[in-house]
PDB file of N, CA and C in Angstrom:
ATOM      1  N   MET A   1     -21.965  -3.313  -6.520  1.00  0.00           N
ATOM      2  CA  MET A   1     -21.038  -2.626  -6.048  1.00  0.00           C
ATOM      3  C   MET A   1     -19.683  -3.501  -6.443  1.00  0.00           C
ATOM      4  N   ASP A   2     -18.774  -2.547  -6.837  1.00  0.00           N
ATOM      5  CA  ASP A   2     -17.483  -2.444  -7.084  1.00  0.00           C
ATOM      6  C   ASP A   2     -16.555  -3.333  -6.028  1.00  0.00           C
ATOM      7  N   GLU A   3     -16.465  -4.752  -7.162  1.00  0.00           N
ATOM      8  CA  GLU A   3     -15.568  -5.830  -5.666  1.00  0.00           C
ATOM      9  C   GLU A   3     -14.021  -4.648  -5.553  1.00  0.00           C
ATOM     10  N   MET A   4     -13.240  -3.600  -6.319  1.00  0.00           N
ATOM     11  CA  MET A   4     -12.483  -3.033  -5.932  1.00  0.00           C
ATOM     12  C   MET A   4     -12.290  -2.126  -5.502  1.00  0.00           C
ATOM     13  N   VAL A   5     -11.312  -1.246  -5.146  1.00  0.00           N
ATOM     14  CA  VAL A   5     -11.605  -0.310  -4.611  1.00  0.00           C
ATOM     15  C   VAL A   5      -9.906   0.659  -4.845  1.00  0.00           C
ATOM     16  N   ARG A   6      -9.678   1.951  -5.260  1.00  0.00           N
ATOM     17  CA  ARG A   6      -8.572   2.807  -5.915  1.00  0.00           C
ATOM     18  C   ARG A   6      -8.278   2.965  -4.586  1.00  0.00           C
ATOM     19  N   ILE A   7      -6.717   2.797  -4.348  1.00  0.00           N
ATOM     20  CA  ILE A   7      -5.823   2.979  -3.050  1.00  0.00           C
ATOM     21  C   ILE A   7      -4.987   3.954  -3.208  1.00  0.00           C
ATOM     22  N   ARG A   8      -4.252   4.743  -2.318  1.00  0.00           N
ATOM     23  CA  ARG A   8      -3.941   6.154  -3.121  1.00  0.00           C
ATOM     24  C   ARG A   8      -2.878   5.847  -2.256  1.00  0.00           C
ATOM     25  N   LEU A   9      -1.242   5.682  -2.648  1.00  0.00           N
ATOM     26  CA  LEU A   9      -0.051   5.939  -1.622  1.00  0.00           C
ATOM     27  C   LEU A   9       0.489   7.087  -1.897  1.00  0.00           C
ATOM     28  N   VAL A  10       0.639   7.182  -0.641  1.00  0.00           N
ATOM     29  CA  VAL A  10       1.707   8.509   0.076  1.00  0.00           C
ATOM     30  C   VAL A  10       2.790   8.354   0.662  1.00  0.00           C
ATOM     31  N   GLY A  11       4.202   8.440   0.159  1.00  0.00           N
ATOM     32  CA  GLY A  11       5.103   8.618   0.187  1.00  0.00           C
ATOM     33  C   GLY A  11       6.148   7.565  -0.091  1.00  0.00           C
ATOM     34  N   GLY A  12       7.158   7.274  -0.095  1.00  0.00           N
ATOM     35  CA  GLY A  12       8.299   6.537  -0.465  1.00  0.00           C
ATOM     36  C   GLY A  12       8.406   6.023  -2.262  1.00  0.00           C
ATOM     37  N   PRO A  13       8.565   5.006  -3.213  1.00  0.00           N
ATOM     38  CA  PRO A  13       8.739   4.944  -4.110  1.00  0.00           C
ATOM     39  C   PRO A  13       7.475   5.136  -4.949  1.00  0.00           C
ATOM     40  N   MET A  14       6.581   4.839  -4.560  1.00  0.00           N
ATOM     41  CA  MET A  14       4.818   4.898  -4.452  1.00  0.00           C
ATOM     42  C   MET A  14       4.379   6.165  -5.071  1.00  0.00           C
ATOM     43  N   ASP A  15       4.827   7.270  -4.249  1.00  0.00           N
ATOM     44  CA  ASP A  15       3.895   8.590  -3.815  1.00  0.00           C
ATOM     45  C   ASP A  15       3.363   8.971  -4.720  1.00  0.00           C
ATOM     46  N   GLY A  16       1.477   9.085  -4.696  1.00  0.00           N
ATOM     47  CA  GLY A  16       1.186   9.366  -5.824  1.00  0.00           C
ATOM     48  C   GLY A  16       0.460   8.660  -6.580  1.00  0.00           C
ATOM     49  N   GLY A  17       0.556   7.434  -6.510  1.00  0.00           N
ATOM     50  CA  GLY A  17       0.289   6.157  -7.322  1.00  0.00           C
ATOM     51  C   GLY A  17      -1.061   5.605  -6.616  1.00  0.00           C
ATOM     52  N   GLU A  18      -1.518   4.590  -8.047  1.00  0.00           N
ATOM     53  CA  GLU A  18      -2.576   3.609  -6.780  1.00  0.00           C
ATOM     54  C   GLU A  18      -3.143   2.475  -7.422  1.00  0.00           C
ATOM     55  N   LEU A  19      -3.724   1.747  -6.097  1.00  0.00           N
ATOM     56  CA  LEU A  19      -3.656   0.715  -6.723  1.00  0.00           C
ATOM     57  C   LEU A  19      -4.965   0.418  -6.317  1.00  0.00           C
ATOM     58  N   PRO A  20      -5.196  -0.894  -7.406  1.00  0.00           N
ATOM     59  CA  PRO A  20      -7.039  -1.815  -6.933  1.00  0.00           C
ATOM     60  C   PRO A  20      -6.402  -2.858  -6.182  1.00  0.00           C
ATOM     61  N   VAL A  21      -7.320  -2.535  -5.148  1.00  0.00           N
ATOM     62  CA  VAL A  21      -7.094  -3.546  -3.686  1.00  0.00           C
ATOM     63  C   VAL A  21      -8.478  -4.007  -3.539  1.00  0.00           C
ATOM     64  N   ASP A  22      -9.040  -5.391  -3.411  1.00  0.00           N
ATOM     65  CA  ASP A  22     -10.176  -5.689  -2.736  1.00  0.00           C
ATOM     66  C   ASP A  22     -10.970  -5.423  -1.655  1.00  0.00           C
ATOM     67  N   ARG A  23     -11.891  -4.816  -2.203  1.00  0.00           N
ATOM     68  CA  ARG A  23     -12.757  -3.789  -1.410  1.00  0.00           C
ATOM     69  C   ARG A  23     -12.869  -4.707  -0.056  1.00  0.00           C
ATOM     70  N   ALA A  24     -12.898  -5.885   0.368  1.00  0.00           N
ATOM     71  CA  ALA A  24     -12.841  -6.541   1.590  1.00  0.00           C
ATOM     72  C   ALA A  24     -11.560  -6.012   1.972  1.00  0.00           C
ATOM     73  N   ALA A  25     -10.670  -6.449   1.426  1.00  0.00           N
ATOM     74  CA  ALA A  25      -9.384  -5.900   2.184  1.00  0.00           C
ATOM     75  C   ALA A  25      -9.140  -4.813   2.871  1.00  0.00           C
ATOM     76  N   VAL A  26      -9.932  -3.950   2.469  1.00  0.00           N
ATOM     77  CA  VAL A  26      -9.921  -2.647   2.779  1.00  0.00           C
ATOM     78  C   VAL A  26     -10.924  -2.053   3.850  1.00  0.00           C
ATOM     79  N   GLU A  27     -12.348  -2.613   3.919  1.00  0.00           N
ATOM     80  CA  GLU A  27     -13.369  -2.624   4.198  1.00  0.00           C
ATOM     81  C   GLU A  27     -13.504  -3.028   6.042  1.00  0.00           C
ATOM     82  N   GLU A  28     -12.956  -4.346   5.901  1.00  0.00           N
ATOM     83  CA  GLU A  28     -13.071  -5.496   6.908  1.00  0.00           C
ATOM     84  C   GLU A  28     -11.626  -5.281   7.544  1.00  0.00           C
ATOM     85  N   ASP A  29     -10.730  -5.143   7.352  1.00  0.00           N
ATOM     86  CA  ASP A  29      -9.581  -5.150   8.444  1.00  0.00           C
ATOM     87  C   ASP A  29      -9.832  -3.397   9.247  1.00  0.00           C
ATOM     88  N   PRO A  30      -9.062  -3.655  10.294  1.00  0.00           N
ATOM     89  CA  PRO A  30      -8.967  -2.146  11.210  1.00  0.00           C
ATOM     90  C   PRO A  30      -7.738  -1.832  10.624  1.00  0.00           C
ATOM     91  N   GLU A  31      -6.688  -1.997   9.900  1.00  0.00           N
ATOM     92  CA  GLU A  31      -5.755  -2.130  10.020  1.00  0.00           C
ATOM     93  C   GLU A  31      -5.351  -2.380   8.302  1.00  0.00           C
ATOM     94  N   PRO A  32      -5.930  -2.133   7.470  1.00  0.00           N
ATOM     95  CA  PRO A  32      -5.761  -2.353   5.974  1.00  0.00           C
ATOM     96  C   PRO A  32      -4.158  -1.375   5.344  1.00  0.00           C
ATOM     97  N   GLY A  33      -3.701  -2.469   4.596  1.00  0.00           N
ATOM     98  CA  GLY A  33      -2.124  -2.883   4.582  1.00  0.00           C
ATOM     99  C   GLY A  33      -2.083  -3.823   3.979  1.00  0.00           C
ATOM    100  N   PHE A  34      -0.811  -3.889   3.042  1.00  0.00           N
ATOM    101  CA  PHE A  34       0.072  -5.164   2.508  1.00  0.00           C
ATOM    102  C   PHE A  34       0.738  -4.339   1.883  1.00  0.00           C
ATOM    103  N   ASP A  35       2.508  -5.525   1.606  1.00  0.00           N
ATOM    104  CA  ASP A  35       3.399  -5.265   1.163  1.00  0.00           C
ATOM    105  C   ASP A  35       3.274  -6.178  -0.465  1.00  0.00           C
ATOM    106  N   PHE A  36       4.326  -5.533  -1.538  1.00  0.00           N
ATOM    107  CA  PHE A  36       4.093  -6.027  -2.396  1.00  0.00           C
ATOM    108  C   PHE A  36       5.545  -5.104  -2.934  1.00  0.00           C
ATOM    109  N   VAL A  37       5.786  -5.974  -4.384  1.00  0.00           N
ATOM    110  CA  VAL A  37       6.853  -5.691  -5.148  1.00  0.00           C
ATOM    111  C   VAL A  37       6.520  -4.390  -6.258  1.00  0.00           C
ATOM    112  N   PRO A  38       6.904  -3.471  -6.155  1.00  0.00           N
ATOM    113  CA  PRO A  38       6.449  -1.888  -7.184  1.00  0.00           C
ATOM    114  C   PRO A  38       7.321  -2.807  -8.163  1.00  0.00           C
ATOM    115  N   GLU A  39       6.234  -2.054  -9.672  1.00  0.00           N
ATOM    116  CA  GLU A  39       6.317  -2.149 -10.728  1.00  0.00           C
ATOM    117  C   GLU A  39       7.930  -2.225 -10.789  1.00  0.00           C
ATOM    118  N   ASP A  40       8.746  -0.760 -10.497  1.00  0.00           N
ATOM    119  CA  ASP A  40       9.591   0.040 -10.731  1.00  0.00           C
ATOM    120  C   ASP A  40      10.305  -0.705  -9.246  1.00  0.00           C
ATOM    121  N   GLY A  41      11.234  -1.231  -9.168  1.00  0.00           N
ATOM    122  CA  GLY A  41      11.724  -2.029  -7.914  1.00  0.00           C
ATOM    123  C   GLY A  41      13.376  -1.070  -7.737  1.00  0.00           C
ATOM    124  N   SER A  42      13.706   0.109  -8.813  1.00  0.00           N
ATOM    125  CA  SER A  42      14.568   0.918  -8.477  1.00  0.00           C
ATOM    126  C   SER A  42      14.353   1.153  -7.429  1.00  0.00           C
ATOM    127  N   GLY A  43      15.657   1.393  -6.761  1.00  0.00           N
ATOM    128  CA  GLY A  43      16.031   2.107  -5.277  1.00  0.00           C
ATOM    129  C   GLY A  43      15.814   0.916  -4.446  1.00  0.00           C
ATOM    130  N   ALA A  44      15.375  -0.116  -4.443  1.00  0.00           N
ATOM    131  CA  ALA A  44      15.754  -1.042  -3.471  1.00  0.00           C
ATOM    132  C   ALA A  44      16.454  -1.754  -2.766  1.00  0.00           C
ATOM    133  N   PRO A  45      17.099  -1.814  -1.676  1.00  0.00           N
ATOM    134  CA  PRO A  45      17.887  -2.453  -1.167  1.00  0.00           C
ATOM    135  C   PRO A  45      17.768  -3.877  -1.371  1.00  0.00           C
ATOM    136  N   GLU A  46      18.831  -4.545  -2.262  1.00  0.00           N
ATOM    137  CA  GLU A  46      18.699  -5.948  -2.372  1.00  0.00           C
ATOM    138  C   GLU A  46      18.038  -6.912  -1.793  1.00  0.00           C
ATOM    139  N   ASP A  47      18.403  -6.915  -0.008  1.00  0.00           N
ATOM    140  CA  ASP A  47      17.683  -7.414   0.464  1.00  0.00           C
ATOM    141  C   ASP A  47      16.301  -7.548   0.849  1.00  0.00           C
ATOM    142  N   ALA A  48      15.782  -6.518   1.120  1.00  0.00           N
ATOM    143  CA  ALA A  48      14.389  -5.584   0.715  1.00  0.00           C
ATOM    144  C   ALA A  48      13.740  -5.323  -0.596  1.00  0.00           C
ATOM    145  N   PRO A  49      13.531  -5.966  -1.218  1.00  0.00           N
ATOM    146  CA  PRO A  49      12.877  -6.020  -2.404  1.00  0.00           C
ATOM    147  C   PRO A  49      11.311  -5.656  -2.407  1.00  0.00           C
ATOM    148  N   ARG A  50      10.813  -5.864  -1.701  1.00  0.00           N
ATOM    149  CA  ARG A  50       9.143  -5.289  -1.274  1.00  0.00           C
ATOM    150  C   ARG A  50       8.837  -3.736  -0.445  1.00  0.00           C
ATOM    151  N   VAL A  51       8.164  -3.120  -0.694  1.00  0.00           N
ATOM    152  CA  VAL A  51       7.495  -2.029  -0.020  1.00  0.00           C
ATOM    153  C   VAL A  51       6.209  -2.136   0.883  1.00  0.00           C
ATOM    154  N   LEU A  52       6.745  -1.610   1.489  1.00  0.00           N
ATOM    155  CA  LEU A  52       5.249  -1.586   2.994  1.00  0.00           C
ATOM    156  C   LEU A  52       4.333  -0.813   2.754  1.00  0.00           C
ATOM    157  N   TYR A  53       3.115  -0.520   2.677  1.00  0.00           N
ATOM    158  CA  TYR A  53       2.491   0.635   2.747  1.00  0.00           C
ATOM    159  C   TYR A  53       1.159   0.322   3.740  1.00  0.00           C
ATOM    160  N   THR A  54       0.405   0.897   5.038  1.00  0.00           N
ATOM    161  CA  THR A  54      -0.793   0.513   5.277  1.00  0.00           C
ATOM    162  C   THR A  54      -1.464   1.953   5.630  1.00  0.00           C
ATOM    163  N   ALA A  55      -2.791   1.561   5.956  1.00  0.00           N
ATOM    164  CA  ALA A  55      -3.343   2.947   6.335  1.00  0.00           C
ATOM    165  C   ALA A  55      -2.572   3.560   7.356  1.00  0.00           C
ATOM    166  N   GLU A  56      -3.409   4.871   8.086  1.00  0.00           N
ATOM    167  CA  GLU A  56      -3.049   5.519   9.284  1.00  0.00           C
ATOM    168  C   GLU A  56      -3.964   4.864  10.537  1.00  0.00           C
ATOM    169  N   PRO A  57      -3.785   4.218  11.131  1.00  0.00           N
ATOM    170  CA  PRO A  57      -4.654   4.086  12.238  1.00  0.00           C
ATOM    171  C   PRO A  57      -5.727   5.139  12.525  1.00  0.00           C
ATOM    172  N   GLY A  58      -7.385   4.938  12.485  1.00  0.00           N
ATOM    173  CA  GLY A  58      -8.169   5.834  12.685  1.00  0.00           C
ATOM    174  C   GLY A  58      -8.509   6.646  11.241  1.00  0.00           C
ATOM    175  N   GLY A  59      -7.477   6.896  10.138  1.00  0.00           N
ATOM    176  CA  GLY A  59      -7.318   7.503   9.201  1.00  0.00           C
ATOM    177  C   GLY A  59      -8.373   6.897   7.716  1.00  0.00           C
ATOM    178  N   ASP A  60      -8.352   7.731   6.791  1.00  0.00           N
ATOM    179  CA  ASP A  60      -8.967   7.260   5.941  1.00  0.00           C
ATOM    180  C   ASP A  60      -8.084   5.640   5.112  1.00  0.00           C
ATOM    181  N   PRO A  61      -9.198   4.943   5.091  1.00  0.00           N
ATOM    182  CA  PRO A  61      -8.809   3.054   4.697  1.00  0.00           C
ATOM    183  C   PRO A  61      -8.082   3.081   3.448  1.00  0.00           C
ATOM    184  N   ALA A  62      -8.663   4.147   2.724  1.00  0.00           N
ATOM    185  CA  ALA A  62      -8.217   4.107   1.252  1.00  0.00           C
ATOM    186  C   ALA A  62      -7.054   4.424   1.114  1.00  0.00           C
ATOM    187  N   VAL A  63      -6.296   5.327   2.241  1.00  0.00           N
ATOM    188  CA  VAL A  63      -5.148   5.983   1.912  1.00  0.00           C
ATOM    189  C   VAL A  63      -3.991   5.741   2.564  1.00  0.00           C
ATOM    190  N   TRP A  64      -3.306   4.769   1.816  1.00  0.00           N
ATOM    191  CA  TRP A  64      -2.054   3.498   2.430  1.00  0.00           C
ATOM    192  C   TRP A  64      -0.525   5.533   2.425  1.00  0.00           C
ATOM    193  N   HIS A  65      -0.197   4.898   3.401  1.00  0.00           N
ATOM    194  CA  HIS A  65       1.146   5.634   3.576  1.00  0.00           C
ATOM    195  C   HIS A  65       2.581   4.471   3.433  1.00  0.00           C
ATOM    196  N   TRP A  66       3.924   5.212   3.030  1.00  0.00           N
ATOM    197  CA  TRP A  66       4.817   4.190   3.069  1.00  0.00           C
ATOM    198  C   TRP A  66       5.341   3.845   4.508  1.00  0.00           C
ATOM    199  N   ARG A  67       6.237   2.635   4.198  1.00  0.00           N
ATOM    200  CA  ARG A  67       6.148   2.441   6.146  1.00  0.00           C
ATOM    201  C   ARG A  67       7.893   2.031   5.664  1.00  0.00           C
ATOM    202  N   GLY A  68       8.569   1.758   4.194  1.00  0.00           N
ATOM    203  CA  GLY A  68       9.654   1.416   4.101  1.00  0.00           C
ATOM    204  C   GLY A  68       9.676   0.437   3.563  1.00  0.00           C
ATOM    205  N   TRP A  69      11.216  -0.219   3.215  1.00  0.00           N
ATOM    206  CA  TRP A  69      11.395  -1.644   2.419  1.00  0.00           C
ATOM    207  C   TRP A  69      11.153  -2.696   3.194  1.00  0.00           C
ATOM    208  N   VAL A  70      10.838  -3.558   2.759  1.00  0.00           N
ATOM    209  CA  VAL A  70      10.831  -5.028   3.677  1.00  0.00           C
ATOM    210  C   VAL A  70      11.282  -6.051   2.842  1.00  0.00           C
ATOM    211  N   PRO A  71      11.543  -7.291   3.492  1.00  0.00           N
ATOM    212  CA  PRO A  71      12.363  -8.303   2.882  1.00  0.00           C
ATOM    213  C   PRO A  71      11.343  -9.248   2.360  1.00  0.00           C
TER     214      PRO A  71
END
């Protein structure tokens, strides 16, 4: 079994993108998601350069939705 899975990102600056994520982070976390610095940080506020994406509670753990910019 592959140790990485492809996560589909919905909304925000990474809308429609995909992100390789460790399978355990998706399958073992009841609320998968994390924040990261996008490749193209354009549009990011100076005080919050990272994006936060998480799965919907009870939704598909391989589809993460944009929650906003974070420090």
